[in-house]
């Protein structure tokens, strides 16, 4: 039986790549527990970006509209709802909606998820590999060393600085966080370089660039290429948001994250559980 997810159900929320990845991963995790299949439209951003293990019939969206809907709690922004992950009641096709922003929905199939989400299309993979190879060659020669350690740094500010996002409970990572995180890695890996990506390069160049050996990704780079580069780095420094989270989750190295992202007492805080969102092996700063 197909287990379906429709990325268009939450019409009040404009889903971006990172949010879609959480939705697919949760659907895959829940479906696997129930011996079912995930179905999604072939035109979805997930299908276009990755080689996922899902059924993609031409009428996927139409079929989903005929299935009963199972909804995660509306206030669950970053928490695991235990009852939702249990077996689906009845042997029937369903459509799910929600944020599902907890690794616990798919921790039992994390290797399969990582494999699917690192299966970038060939053009994306080649561009990411080329950029990293050029970066390593340049700095190896510049520093007169045989190899360098590449640390990916994601800087997200932009929309999270809006009044609505701030009132909701978002706090962007400040300069002090990035300095501390970069100090941490530089103390462990002397021949380290930092690859910076994010939409606010003006801020990053002013606040991050003067610290260590830093390279900025091209402003015209696409989200899938940036993601591939961050994933291929040796280690990573997160900022906030689902895109940054996924870059960290797919990276096999050491991960540092901003622990003060969510404002205590805020609406975001009420639907967020630290232990459900951040894997225990990640390092808070």
Foldseek 3Di string as FASTA:
>chain_A
DAAEEEPCPPVVDDDDDLQVLLVVLLSVLLQVQQVHFYEYACPDPLNVWWDARHHHDNCRVVVQVPFAEDEDPALAQAFDDVVVSDHDPDDDYHYYDDRNQFCVSRVVPLVNSLVGLLRGPPVLLVVLVVVVVVVFVVLCVVVVHPTAAEEEEEAEDPPCVDPVNVLQFFDWDDLVLLLVVVVVVCVVTVRYEYEYEYQCVVVCCVRPVVRDHYDYDDNPDDLSSSLNNLQPGQAYEAIDDSSSLVSHSSRPHAYEYEPRGGHPPGSNNVNHDPPRNDPPRHHYD
